[in-house]
Amino acid sequence: MLMDLRASYDAGRTQELITRWQDCEMLVLDEFGLSGGGRDEEPMLYQVLADRYDHRRPTIITSNLEIGALREVLGFRLLNRLGE
């Protein structure tokens, strides 16, 4: 996901990718937190996940991070939403 997002900057396709991830039937993020996002990418990830939550679209996140580290990556509000 992050590689696609970074590649989209030069091509001007960032919003297209975000919309695709928001609207897909099911989003699976495997090994979440393995590759850290930059400061610009965190709001985009939040935008995708918050929209999916708001529209009740299924999202699966797998990670080896402990809950405290996951909270740091996702933030309390988003982690709380995903826990619902």
Protein backbone atom coordinates (compact mmCIF):
# COMPACT_ATOMS: atom_id res chain seq x y z
CA MET A 1 0.00 0.00 0.00
CA LEU A 2 2.73 2.44 0.96
CA MET A 3 4.78 1.60 -2.14
CA ASP A 4 1.76 2.26 -4.36
CA LEU A 5 1.03 5.48 -2.51
CA ARG A 6 4.60 6.72 -2.86
CA ALA A 7 4.64 5.83 -6.57
CA SER A 8 1.40 7.77 -7.07
CA TYR A 9 2.90 11.13 -6.05
CA ASP A 10 4.72 11.71 -9.34
CA ALA A 11 1.87 10.33 -11.42
CA GLY A 12 -0.74 12.51 -9.70
CA ARG A 13 -2.86 9.46 -8.83
CA THR A 14 -2.86 9.74 -5.04
CA GLN A 15 -6.55 10.60 -4.61
CA GLU A 16 -7.49 7.86 -7.09
CA LEU A 17 -5.70 5.28 -4.92
CA ILE A 18 -7.21 6.59 -1.71
CA THR A 19 -10.69 6.38 -3.22
CA ARG A 20 -10.05 2.85 -4.49
CA TRP A 21 -8.94 1.71 -1.03
CA GLN A 22 -11.89 3.44 0.62
CA ASP A 23 -14.40 1.82 -1.73
CA CYS A 24 -13.04 -1.72 -2.15
CA GLU A 25 -15.23 -4.53 -0.86
CA MET A 26 -12.69 -5.62 1.77
CA LEU A 27 -9.32 -4.11 2.66
CA VAL A 28 -6.63 -6.33 4.18
CA LEU A 29 -3.46 -4.74 5.54
CA ASP A 30 -1.03 -7.56 6.26
CA GLU A 31 2.02 -7.06 8.47
CA PHE A 32 0.80 -3.58 9.37
CA GLY A 33 3.51 -1.43 10.91
CA LEU A 34 6.36 -3.39 9.34
CA SER A 35 7.13 -0.48 7.03
CA GLY A 36 6.59 2.86 8.68
CA GLY A 37 4.78 5.60 6.85
CA GLY A 38 5.94 9.17 6.73
CA ARG A 39 4.18 12.15 8.21
CA ASP A 40 2.42 12.81 4.90
CA GLU A 41 1.19 9.24 4.66
CA GLU A 42 -0.33 8.97 8.14
CA PRO A 43 -3.22 11.37 7.35
CA MET A 44 -3.90 9.49 4.12
CA LEU A 45 -4.05 6.18 5.99
CA TYR A 46 -6.39 7.76 8.52
CA GLN A 47 -8.54 9.09 5.67
CA VAL A 48 -8.85 5.59 4.18
CA LEU A 49 -9.53 3.77 7.43
CA ALA A 50 -11.90 6.38 8.88
CA ASP A 51 -13.95 6.42 5.68
CA ARG A 52 -14.16 2.64 5.69
CA TYR A 53 -15.30 2.72 9.30
CA ASP A 54 -17.91 5.41 8.59
CA HIS A 55 -19.32 3.37 5.69
CA ARG A 56 -19.12 0.05 7.56
CA ARG A 57 -16.76 -1.57 5.08
CA PRO A 58 -14.78 -4.54 6.39
CA THR A 59 -11.11 -4.00 7.10
CA ILE A 60 -8.66 -6.59 8.40
CA ILE A 61 -5.32 -5.57 9.85
CA THR A 62 -2.69 -8.09 10.86
CA SER A 63 0.37 -7.04 12.80
CA ASN A 64 3.03 -8.34 15.13
CA LEU A 65 3.02 -5.03 16.99
CA GLU A 66 1.94 -4.99 20.61
CA ILE A 67 -1.15 -2.92 21.36
CA GLY A 68 0.89 0.05 22.64
CA ALA A 69 2.97 0.21 19.47
CA LEU A 70 -0.13 -0.22 17.33
CA ARG A 71 -1.75 2.68 19.20
CA GLU A 72 1.28 4.83 18.37
CA VAL A 73 1.02 3.99 14.67
CA LEU A 74 -2.76 4.31 14.34
CA GLY A 75 -3.57 6.77 17.10
CA PHE A 76 -6.10 6.20 19.87
CA ARG A 77 -9.21 7.33 17.95
CA LEU A 78 -8.58 5.13 14.93
CA LEU A 79 -7.54 2.11 17.01
CA ASN A 80 -10.72 2.51 19.06
CA ARG A 81 -12.84 2.62 15.91
CA LEU A 82 -11.17 -0.46 14.47
CA GLY A 83 -11.80 -2.29 17.73
CA GLU A 84 -15.54 -1.89 17.27
